[in-house]
Amino acid sequence: MEPNHLLLKSQANSNEAEKQIAFLRSKTESKFAATVMKIDETIAAKEECEEYVTLRNVRDKPSDKREDLHAEDADDPMMAAEYAIEIFDYLRQLKDSTQLNANYMEHQEHLTWEMRDILVNWLVHVFRRFRLLHETLFLAINILDRFLSEKLVQLPRLQLAGIAAILIASKYEERCPRDIDDYCHVANDTYTKPQIISAERYVLSTLNYELSYANPMNFLRRISKADDYDIQTRTFAKCLMEINLLDHRCIKYRPSQIAAAAMYLARRVLGRGEWV
């Protein structure tokens, strides 16, 4: 083979190699550029996330730099401490939608406030006899008052409305609600089981099945965290909130105000000092 021919072939191979090298270089550079872009996007997303967390922590942090009341529950999944702020924001919204009409008795033709207070006293008796949760009692009274705000009730049916209210509340709050026969018995068989079931349906339909309620026990429990769970103060405060149920003049106050006032008065009476 002639030398010139070999030289041309060598140059052709060299050009082909350079083209392959250039192709590989461009492909590598494009992959590198894409990788760098992904890294930049990841860093930007991370910085944005960190900025959000920082802003949230600043917002959630008490202005007086007190320790987070739910920090001790962070490792308990049952307490849902990470949702505490959202939960209480929701309860504050419920306070407006479930706030009672303090003058609803004006449109009741057959009832008086005294009759209502007597029924509430009887419901407290049922609450203690059945050993129900305090949440059940407060929800039952709220259901009763909301129902009386919407419907006219005659005196012979007032106790039936109260039974329906506490039955609904027990199903909503209790782990093992009492049977309807127990409520028939506690009412001295004044009403039959079908009557109670019918009343339960009527009350639920009147309230549009909206049972969510900013229960004062939720706020008292949160206040108790700041009080280091003083059992005497908390128990006394719960008793004061029960007494509050018997006085219709307290209907105008919000659940959070009732819980705060009960805790404040309990601390003053028990000599626990001022509460800020």
C-alpha atoms as a PDB file:
ATOM      1  CA  MET A   1       0.000   0.000   0.000  1.00  0.00           C
ATOM      2  CA  GLU A   2       1.282   3.461  -0.953  1.00  0.00           C
ATOM      3  CA  PRO A   3       2.363   5.889   1.768  1.00  0.00           C
ATOM      4  CA  ASN A   4      -0.019   8.624   0.591  1.00  0.00           C
ATOM      5  CA  HIS A   5      -2.944   6.260   0.826  1.00  0.00           C
ATOM      6  CA  LEU A   6      -1.963   5.275   4.366  1.00  0.00           C
ATOM      7  CA  LEU A   7      -1.637   8.913   5.333  1.00  0.00           C
ATOM      8  CA  LEU A   8      -5.137   9.738   4.067  1.00  0.00           C
ATOM      9  CA  LYS A   9      -6.592   6.763   5.923  1.00  0.00           C
ATOM     10  CA  SER A  10      -4.833   7.792   9.120  1.00  0.00           C
ATOM     11  CA  GLN A  11      -6.182  11.324   8.807  1.00  0.00           C
ATOM     12  CA  ALA A  12      -9.716   9.979   8.245  1.00  0.00           C
ATOM     13  CA  ASN A  13      -9.478   7.831  11.366  1.00  0.00           C
ATOM     14  CA  SER A  14      -8.198  10.807  13.310  1.00  0.00           C
ATOM     15  CA  ASN A  15     -11.089  12.982  12.149  1.00  0.00           C
ATOM     16  CA  GLU A  16     -13.591  10.278  13.078  1.00  0.00           C
ATOM     17  CA  ALA A  17     -12.037   9.927  16.520  1.00  0.00           C
ATOM     18  CA  GLU A  18     -12.196  13.672  17.054  1.00  0.00           C
ATOM     19  CA  LYS A  19     -15.869  13.673  16.083  1.00  0.00           C
ATOM     20  CA  GLN A  20     -16.586  10.891  18.582  1.00  0.00           C
ATOM     21  CA  ILE A  21     -14.642  12.702  21.280  1.00  0.00           C
ATOM     22  CA  ALA A  22     -16.532  15.932  20.537  1.00  0.00           C
ATOM     23  CA  PHE A  23     -19.857  14.068  20.627  1.00  0.00           C
ATOM     24  CA  LEU A  24     -19.040  12.402  23.930  1.00  0.00           C
ATOM     25  CA  ARG A  25     -17.813  15.712  25.361  1.00  0.00           C
ATOM     26  CA  SER A  26     -21.049  17.514  24.388  1.00  0.00           C
ATOM     27  CA  LYS A  27     -23.151  14.678  25.768  1.00  0.00           C
ATOM     28  CA  THR A  28     -21.203  14.686  29.027  1.00  0.00           C
ATOM     29  CA  GLU A  29     -21.449  18.451  29.319  1.00  0.00           C
ATOM     30  CA  SER A  30     -25.228  18.361  28.775  1.00  0.00           C
ATOM     31  CA  LYS A  31     -25.630  15.680  31.454  1.00  0.00           C
ATOM     32  CA  PHE A  32     -23.400  17.674  33.778  1.00  0.00           C
ATOM     33  CA  ALA A  33     -25.435  20.833  33.132  1.00  0.00           C
ATOM     34  CA  ALA A  34     -28.684  18.956  33.830  1.00  0.00           C
ATOM     35  CA  THR A  35     -27.234  17.550  37.044  1.00  0.00           C
ATOM     36  CA  VAL A  36     -26.100  21.002  38.147  1.00  0.00           C
ATOM     37  CA  MET A  37     -29.576  22.366  37.387  1.00  0.00           C
ATOM     38  CA  LYS A  38     -31.207  19.635  39.491  1.00  0.00           C
ATOM     39  CA  ILE A  39     -28.802  20.356  42.334  1.00  0.00           C
ATOM     40  CA  ASP A  40     -29.631  24.063  42.129  1.00  0.00           C
ATOM     41  CA  GLU A  41     -33.362  23.291  42.152  1.00  0.00           C
ATOM     42  CA  THR A  42     -32.945  20.987  45.152  1.00  0.00           C
ATOM     43  CA  ILE A  43     -30.961  23.611  47.041  1.00  0.00           C
ATOM     44  CA  ALA A  44     -33.581  26.266  46.229  1.00  0.00           C
ATOM     45  CA  ALA A  45     -36.414  23.992  47.378  1.00  0.00           C
ATOM     46  CA  LYS A  46     -34.526  23.159  50.561  1.00  0.00           C
ATOM     47  CA  GLU A  47     -33.936  26.848  51.280  1.00  0.00           C
ATOM     48  CA  GLU A  48     -37.603  27.617  50.635  1.00  0.00           C
ATOM     49  CA  CYS A  49     -38.655  24.805  52.977  1.00  0.00           C
ATOM     50  CA  GLU A  50     -36.257  25.980  55.672  1.00  0.00           C
ATOM     51  CA  GLU A  51     -37.583  29.522  55.289  1.00  0.00           C
ATOM     52  CA  TYR A  52     -41.172  28.253  55.714  1.00  0.00           C
ATOM     53  CA  VAL A  53     -40.258  26.244  58.799  1.00  0.00           C
ATOM     54  CA  THR A  54     -38.445  29.240  60.259  1.00  0.00           C
ATOM     55  CA  LEU A  55     -41.422  31.519  59.652  1.00  0.00           C
ATOM     56  CA  ARG A  56     -43.781  28.927  61.152  1.00  0.00           C
ATOM     57  CA  ASN A  57     -41.628  28.535  64.228  1.00  0.00           C
ATOM     58  CA  VAL A  58     -41.505  32.291  64.679  1.00  0.00           C
ATOM     59  CA  ARG A  59     -45.264  32.517  64.287  1.00  0.00           C
ATOM     60  CA  ASP A  60     -45.960  29.616  66.626  1.00  0.00           C
ATOM     61  CA  LYS A  61     -43.470  30.701  69.259  1.00  0.00           C
ATOM     62  CA  PRO A  62     -45.144  32.520  72.174  1.00  0.00           C
ATOM     63  CA  SER A  63     -44.352  36.208  72.334  1.00  0.00           C
ATOM     64  CA  ASP A  64     -43.168  35.875  75.930  1.00  0.00           C
ATOM     65  CA  LYS A  65     -40.808  33.017  74.943  1.00  0.00           C
ATOM     66  CA  ARG A  66     -42.583  30.490  77.156  1.00  0.00           C
ATOM     67  CA  GLU A  67     -41.993  26.818  76.546  1.00  0.00           C
ATOM     68  CA  ASP A  68     -44.330  25.245  74.015  1.00  0.00           C
ATOM     69  CA  LEU A  69     -47.202  23.718  75.985  1.00  0.00           C
ATOM     70  CA  HIS A  70     -47.336  20.670  73.732  1.00  0.00           C
ATOM     71  CA  ALA A  71     -43.599  19.976  73.487  1.00  0.00           C
ATOM     72  CA  GLU A  72     -43.832  17.232  76.102  1.00  0.00           C
ATOM     73  CA  ASP A  73     -46.368  15.365  73.942  1.00  0.00           C
ATOM     74  CA  ALA A  74     -44.203  15.387  70.814  1.00  0.00           C
ATOM     75  CA  ASP A  75     -43.327  11.680  71.158  1.00  0.00           C
ATOM     76  CA  ASP A  76     -46.918  10.576  71.847  1.00  0.00           C
ATOM     77  CA  PRO A  77     -48.775   9.938  68.561  1.00  0.00           C
ATOM     78  CA  MET A  78     -52.111   9.822  70.405  1.00  0.00           C
ATOM     79  CA  MET A  79     -51.771  13.468  71.443  1.00  0.00           C
ATOM     80  CA  ALA A  80     -51.167  14.737  67.872  1.00  0.00           C
ATOM     81  CA  ALA A  81     -49.013  17.540  69.259  1.00  0.00           C
ATOM     82  CA  GLU A  82     -47.866  18.592  65.788  1.00  0.00           C
ATOM     83  CA  TYR A  83     -51.466  19.569  64.973  1.00  0.00           C
ATOM     84  CA  ALA A  84     -52.224  21.364  68.248  1.00  0.00           C
ATOM     85  CA  ILE A  85     -52.096  24.854  66.744  1.00  0.00           C
ATOM     86  CA  GLU A  86     -54.372  23.941  63.831  1.00  0.00           C
ATOM     87  CA  ILE A  87     -56.798  22.159  66.181  1.00  0.00           C
ATOM     88  CA  PHE A  88     -57.219  25.184  68.418  1.00  0.00           C
ATOM     89  CA  ASP A  89     -57.534  27.463  65.396  1.00  0.00           C
ATOM     90  CA  TYR A  90     -60.419  25.241  64.318  1.00  0.00           C
ATOM     91  CA  LEU A  91     -61.982  25.364  67.793  1.00  0.00           C
ATOM     92  CA  ARG A  92     -61.839  29.148  67.728  1.00  0.00           C
ATOM     93  CA  GLN A  93     -63.758  29.106  64.467  1.00  0.00           C
ATOM     94  CA  LEU A  94     -66.341  26.757  65.991  1.00  0.00           C
ATOM     95  CA  LYS A  95     -66.908  29.195  68.853  1.00  0.00           C
ATOM     96  CA  ASP A  96     -68.570  31.578  66.407  1.00  0.00           C
ATOM     97  CA  SER A  97     -70.654  29.011  64.530  1.00  0.00           C
ATOM     98  CA  THR A  98     -71.920  27.215  67.669  1.00  0.00           C
ATOM     99  CA  GLN A  99     -72.321  30.238  69.941  1.00  0.00           C
ATOM    100  CA  LEU A 100     -75.752  30.131  71.593  1.00  0.00           C
ATOM    101  CA  ASN A 101     -78.507  32.712  71.461  1.00  0.00           C
ATOM    102  CA  ALA A 102     -78.667  33.967  75.041  1.00  0.00           C
ATOM    103  CA  ASN A 103     -82.300  35.083  74.581  1.00  0.00           C
ATOM    104  CA  TYR A 104     -83.759  32.022  72.878  1.00  0.00           C
ATOM    105  CA  MET A 105     -86.301  31.449  75.663  1.00  0.00           C
ATOM    106  CA  GLU A 106     -88.232  34.525  74.525  1.00  0.00           C
ATOM    107  CA  HIS A 107     -89.785  32.585  71.652  1.00  0.00           C
ATOM    108  CA  GLN A 108     -90.641  29.524  73.761  1.00  0.00           C
ATOM    109  CA  GLU A 109     -94.356  29.720  74.570  1.00  0.00           C
ATOM    110  CA  HIS A 110     -94.517  26.906  77.121  1.00  0.00           C
ATOM    111  CA  LEU A 111     -91.092  27.008  78.772  1.00  0.00           C
ATOM    112  CA  THR A 112     -89.145  29.234  81.146  1.00  0.00           C
ATOM    113  CA  TRP A 113     -85.495  29.532  82.077  1.00  0.00           C
ATOM    114  CA  GLU A 114     -86.268  27.873  85.404  1.00  0.00           C
ATOM    115  CA  MET A 115     -87.617  24.799  83.601  1.00  0.00           C
ATOM    116  CA  ARG A 116     -84.504  24.665  81.490  1.00  0.00           C
ATOM    117  CA  ASP A 117     -82.244  24.895  84.553  1.00  0.00           C
ATOM    118  CA  ILE A 118     -84.194  22.099  86.282  1.00  0.00           C
ATOM    119  CA  LEU A 119     -83.692  19.861  83.239  1.00  0.00           C
ATOM    120  CA  VAL A 120     -79.963  20.650  83.157  1.00  0.00           C
ATOM    121  CA  ASN A 121     -79.731  19.729  86.844  1.00  0.00           C
ATOM    122  CA  TRP A 122     -81.364  16.380  86.048  1.00  0.00           C
ATOM    123  CA  LEU A 123     -78.946  15.808  83.163  1.00  0.00           C
ATOM    124  CA  VAL A 124     -76.033  16.426  85.530  1.00  0.00           C
ATOM    125  CA  HIS A 125     -77.545  13.732  87.763  1.00  0.00           C
ATOM    126  CA  VAL A 126     -77.684  11.344  84.766  1.00  0.00           C
ATOM    127  CA  PHE A 127     -74.094  12.273  83.896  1.00  0.00           C
ATOM    128  CA  ARG A 128     -72.905  11.302  87.368  1.00  0.00           C
ATOM    129  CA  ARG A 129     -75.009   8.163  87.579  1.00  0.00           C
ATOM    130  CA  PHE A 130     -73.717   6.825  84.259  1.00  0.00           C
ATOM    131  CA  ARG A 131     -70.177   8.087  84.949  1.00  0.00           C
ATOM    132  CA  LEU A 132     -69.950   9.860  81.630  1.00  0.00           C
ATOM    133  CA  LEU A 133     -67.129  12.084  80.441  1.00  0.00           C
ATOM    134  CA  HIS A 134     -67.275  15.795  81.164  1.00  0.00           C
ATOM    135  CA  GLU A 135     -67.033  16.372  77.423  1.00  0.00           C
ATOM    136  CA  THR A 136     -70.293  14.433  77.061  1.00  0.00           C
ATOM    137  CA  LEU A 137     -72.086  16.604  79.606  1.00  0.00           C
ATOM    138  CA  PHE A 138     -71.029  19.920  78.076  1.00  0.00           C
ATOM    139  CA  LEU A 139     -71.827  18.741  74.555  1.00  0.00           C
ATOM    140  CA  ALA A 140     -75.257  17.494  75.691  1.00  0.00           C
ATOM    141  CA  ILE A 141     -76.184  20.884  77.164  1.00  0.00           C
ATOM    142  CA  ASN A 142     -74.936  22.626  74.029  1.00  0.00           C
ATOM    143  CA  ILE A 143     -77.070  20.338  71.852  1.00  0.00           C
ATOM    144  CA  LEU A 144     -80.094  20.955  74.084  1.00  0.00           C
ATOM    145  CA  ASP A 145     -79.734  24.745  74.007  1.00  0.00           C
ATOM    146  CA  ARG A 146     -79.143  24.798  70.249  1.00  0.00           C
ATOM    147  CA  PHE A 147     -82.237  22.653  69.723  1.00  0.00           C
ATOM    148  CA  LEU A 148     -84.390  24.870  71.954  1.00  0.00           C
ATOM    149  CA  SER A 149     -83.107  27.854  70.002  1.00  0.00           C
ATOM    150  CA  GLU A 150     -84.574  26.371  66.817  1.00  0.00           C
ATOM    151  CA  LYS A 151     -87.758  24.565  67.838  1.00  0.00           C
ATOM    152  CA  LEU A 152     -90.764  25.219  70.057  1.00  0.00           C
ATOM    153  CA  VAL A 153     -91.039  22.530  72.722  1.00  0.00           C
ATOM    154  CA  GLN A 154     -93.937  21.809  75.041  1.00  0.00           C
ATOM    155  CA  LEU A 155     -93.249  21.037  78.685  1.00  0.00           C
ATOM    156  CA  PRO A 156     -94.176  17.300  78.512  1.00  0.00           C
ATOM    157  CA  ARG A 157     -91.535  16.860  75.783  1.00  0.00           C
ATOM    158  CA  LEU A 158     -88.768  18.879  77.418  1.00  0.00           C
ATOM    159  CA  GLN A 159     -87.259  15.928  79.294  1.00  0.00           C
ATOM    160  CA  LEU A 160     -87.411  13.841  76.114  1.00  0.00           C
ATOM    161  CA  ALA A 161     -85.367  16.507  74.324  1.00  0.00           C
ATOM    162  CA  GLY A 162     -82.832  16.369  77.164  1.00  0.00           C
ATOM    163  CA  ILE A 163     -82.585  12.572  76.937  1.00  0.00           C
ATOM    164  CA  ALA A 164     -82.047  12.776  73.187  1.00  0.00           C
ATOM    165  CA  ALA A 165     -79.336  15.407  73.684  1.00  0.00           C
ATOM    166  CA  ILE A 166     -77.319  13.402  76.204  1.00  0.00           C
ATOM    167  CA  LEU A 167     -77.795  10.204  74.178  1.00  0.00           C
ATOM    168  CA  ILE A 168     -76.397  11.911  71.070  1.00  0.00           C
ATOM    169  CA  ALA A 169     -73.522  13.420  73.047  1.00  0.00           C
ATOM    170  CA  SER A 170     -72.616  10.065  74.598  1.00  0.00           C
ATOM    171  CA  LYS A 171     -72.477   8.435  71.171  1.00  0.00           C
ATOM    172  CA  TYR A 172     -70.223  11.236  69.988  1.00  0.00           C
ATOM    173  CA  GLU A 173     -67.824  11.323  72.962  1.00  0.00           C
ATOM    174  CA  GLU A 174     -67.965   8.010  74.830  1.00  0.00           C
ATOM    175  CA  ARG A 175     -65.995   4.935  73.935  1.00  0.00           C
ATOM    176  CA  CYS A 176     -68.854   2.676  75.106  1.00  0.00           C
ATOM    177  CA  PRO A 177     -72.127   4.669  75.173  1.00  0.00           C
ATOM    178  CA  ARG A 178     -74.961   3.475  77.367  1.00  0.00           C
ATOM    179  CA  ASP A 179     -77.873   1.586  75.863  1.00  0.00           C
ATOM    180  CA  ILE A 180     -81.168   3.368  75.191  1.00  0.00           C
ATOM    181  CA  ASP A 181     -82.857   1.085  77.735  1.00  0.00           C
ATOM    182  CA  ASP A 182     -80.717   2.702  80.437  1.00  0.00           C
ATOM    183  CA  TYR A 183     -82.095   6.119  79.521  1.00  0.00           C
ATOM    184  CA  CYS A 184     -85.637   4.737  79.589  1.00  0.00           C
ATOM    185  CA  HIS A 185     -84.987   3.410  83.067  1.00  0.00           C
ATOM    186  CA  VAL A 186     -83.395   6.602  84.402  1.00  0.00           C
ATOM    187  CA  ALA A 187     -86.467   8.524  83.188  1.00  0.00           C
ATOM    188  CA  ASN A 188     -88.750   6.107  85.089  1.00  0.00           C
ATOM    189  CA  ASP A 189     -90.007   4.681  81.782  1.00  0.00           C
ATOM    190  CA  THR A 190     -91.786   7.933  80.991  1.00  0.00           C
ATOM    191  CA  TYR A 191     -90.779   7.503  77.349  1.00  0.00           C
ATOM    192  CA  THR A 192     -90.524   4.373  75.255  1.00  0.00           C
ATOM    193  CA  LYS A 193     -87.496   3.288  73.286  1.00  0.00           C
ATOM    194  CA  PRO A 194     -89.090   4.189  69.904  1.00  0.00           C
ATOM    195  CA  GLN A 195     -89.958   7.648  71.257  1.00  0.00           C
ATOM    196  CA  ILE A 196     -86.355   8.279  72.294  1.00  0.00           C
ATOM    197  CA  ILE A 197     -85.038   7.085  68.917  1.00  0.00           C
ATOM    198  CA  SER A 198     -87.521   9.330  67.115  1.00  0.00           C
ATOM    199  CA  ALA A 199     -86.521  12.296  69.293  1.00  0.00           C
ATOM    200  CA  GLU A 200     -82.846  11.575  68.620  1.00  0.00           C
ATOM    201  CA  ARG A 201     -83.433  11.693  64.867  1.00  0.00           C
ATOM    202  CA  TYR A 202     -85.468  14.890  65.144  1.00  0.00           C
ATOM    203  CA  VAL A 203     -82.796  16.676  67.180  1.00  0.00           C
ATOM    204  CA  LEU A 204     -80.040  15.591  64.785  1.00  0.00           C
ATOM    205  CA  SER A 205     -81.976  16.736  61.724  1.00  0.00           C
ATOM    206  CA  THR A 206     -82.741  20.071  63.395  1.00  0.00           C
ATOM    207  CA  LEU A 207     -79.017  20.644  63.959  1.00  0.00           C
ATOM    208  CA  ASN A 208     -78.178  19.398  60.436  1.00  0.00           C
ATOM    209  CA  TYR A 209     -76.074  16.706  62.120  1.00  0.00           C
ATOM    210  CA  GLU A 210     -73.503  19.334  63.079  1.00  0.00           C
ATOM    211  CA  LEU A 211     -72.185  18.157  66.450  1.00  0.00           C
ATOM    212  CA  SER A 212     -68.708  19.702  66.460  1.00  0.00           C
ATOM    213  CA  TYR A 213     -68.423  22.025  69.430  1.00  0.00           C
ATOM    214  CA  ALA A 214     -65.678  24.085  71.057  1.00  0.00           C
ATOM    215  CA  ASN A 215     -65.958  22.173  74.327  1.00  0.00           C
ATOM    216  CA  PRO A 216     -64.706  24.123  77.368  1.00  0.00           C
ATOM    217  CA  MET A 217     -62.918  20.961  78.509  1.00  0.00           C
ATOM    218  CA  ASN A 218     -60.569  21.310  75.530  1.00  0.00           C
ATOM    219  CA  PHE A 219     -59.544  24.771  76.681  1.00  0.00           C
ATOM    220  CA  LEU A 220     -59.332  23.747  80.345  1.00  0.00           C
ATOM    221  CA  ARG A 221     -57.018  20.888  79.421  1.00  0.00           C
ATOM    222  CA  ARG A 222     -54.728  23.280  77.557  1.00  0.00           C
ATOM    223  CA  ILE A 223     -54.736  25.735  80.468  1.00  0.00           C
ATOM    224  CA  SER A 224     -53.869  22.872  82.819  1.00  0.00           C
ATOM    225  CA  LYS A 225     -50.643  22.313  80.895  1.00  0.00           C
ATOM    226  CA  ALA A 226     -49.528  25.802  81.865  1.00  0.00           C
ATOM    227  CA  ASP A 227     -50.594  25.033  85.440  1.00  0.00           C
ATOM    228  CA  ASP A 228     -48.359  21.926  85.622  1.00  0.00           C
ATOM    229  CA  TYR A 229     -51.449  19.719  85.898  1.00  0.00           C
ATOM    230  CA  ASP A 230     -52.359  20.745  89.445  1.00  0.00           C
ATOM    231  CA  ILE A 231     -55.039  18.091  90.076  1.00  0.00           C
ATOM    232  CA  GLN A 232     -56.828  20.054  92.804  1.00  0.00           C
ATOM    233  CA  THR A 233     -57.065  23.210  90.730  1.00  0.00           C
ATOM    234  CA  ARG A 234     -58.218  21.321  87.665  1.00  0.00           C
ATOM    235  CA  THR A 235     -60.864  19.326  89.573  1.00  0.00           C
ATOM    236  CA  PHE A 236     -62.193  22.457  91.251  1.00  0.00           C
ATOM    237  CA  ALA A 237     -62.303  24.252  87.893  1.00  0.00           C
ATOM    238  CA  LYS A 238     -64.355  21.399  86.408  1.00  0.00           C
ATOM    239  CA  CYS A 239     -66.819  21.665  89.294  1.00  0.00           C
ATOM    240  CA  LEU A 240     -67.147  25.390  88.666  1.00  0.00           C
ATOM    241  CA  MET A 241     -67.845  24.749  84.994  1.00  0.00           C
ATOM    242  CA  GLU A 242     -70.575  22.271  85.965  1.00  0.00           C
ATOM    243  CA  ILE A 243     -72.171  24.915  88.176  1.00  0.00           C
ATOM    244  CA  ASN A 244     -71.997  27.302  85.242  1.00  0.00           C
ATOM    245  CA  LEU A 245     -74.275  24.970  83.274  1.00  0.00           C
ATOM    246  CA  LEU A 246     -77.067  25.471  85.806  1.00  0.00           C
ATOM    247  CA  ASP A 247     -77.177  29.234  85.288  1.00  0.00           C
ATOM    248  CA  HIS A 248     -78.666  30.278  81.964  1.00  0.00           C
ATOM    249  CA  ARG A 249     -77.103  33.723  82.333  1.00  0.00           C
ATOM    250  CA  CYS A 250     -73.746  32.150  81.439  1.00  0.00           C
ATOM    251  CA  ILE A 251     -74.948  31.065  77.998  1.00  0.00           C
ATOM    252  CA  LYS A 252     -73.699  34.314  76.488  1.00  0.00           C
ATOM    253  CA  TYR A 253     -70.073  33.512  77.365  1.00  0.00           C
ATOM    254  CA  ARG A 254     -67.802  31.548  75.068  1.00  0.00           C
ATOM    255  CA  PRO A 255     -66.399  28.144  76.107  1.00  0.00           C
ATOM    256  CA  SER A 256     -62.843  29.503  76.241  1.00  0.00           C
ATOM    257  CA  GLN A 257     -63.971  32.322  78.557  1.00  0.00           C
ATOM    258  CA  ILE A 258     -65.772  29.867  80.827  1.00  0.00           C
ATOM    259  CA  ALA A 259     -62.710  27.617  81.074  1.00  0.00           C
ATOM    260  CA  ALA A 260     -60.382  30.548  81.753  1.00  0.00           C
ATOM    261  CA  ALA A 261     -62.700  32.045  84.388  1.00  0.00           C
ATOM    262  CA  ALA A 262     -63.114  28.666  86.123  1.00  0.00           C
ATOM    263  CA  MET A 263     -59.356  28.103  86.279  1.00  0.00           C
ATOM    264  CA  TYR A 264     -58.719  31.648  87.491  1.00  0.00           C
ATOM    265  CA  LEU A 265     -61.323  31.377  90.260  1.00  0.00           C
ATOM    266  CA  ALA A 266     -60.087  27.910  91.272  1.00  0.00           C
ATOM    267  CA  ARG A 267     -56.535  29.208  91.658  1.00  0.00           C
ATOM    268  CA  ARG A 268     -57.700  32.169  93.701  1.00  0.00           C
ATOM    269  CA  VAL A 269     -59.844  30.060  96.031  1.00  0.00           C
ATOM    270  CA  LEU A 270     -57.127  27.436  96.537  1.00  0.00           C
ATOM    271  CA  GLY A 271     -54.483  30.081  97.144  1.00  0.00           C
ATOM    272  CA  ARG A 272     -52.384  29.205  94.107  1.00  0.00           C
ATOM    273  CA  GLY A 273     -51.622  32.863  93.499  1.00  0.00           C
ATOM    274  CA  GLU A 274     -52.359  35.173  90.612  1.00  0.00           C
ATOM    275  CA  TRP A 275     -52.697  33.681  87.169  1.00  0.00           C
ATOM    276  CA  VAL A 276     -51.499  35.651  84.158  1.00  0.00           C
END
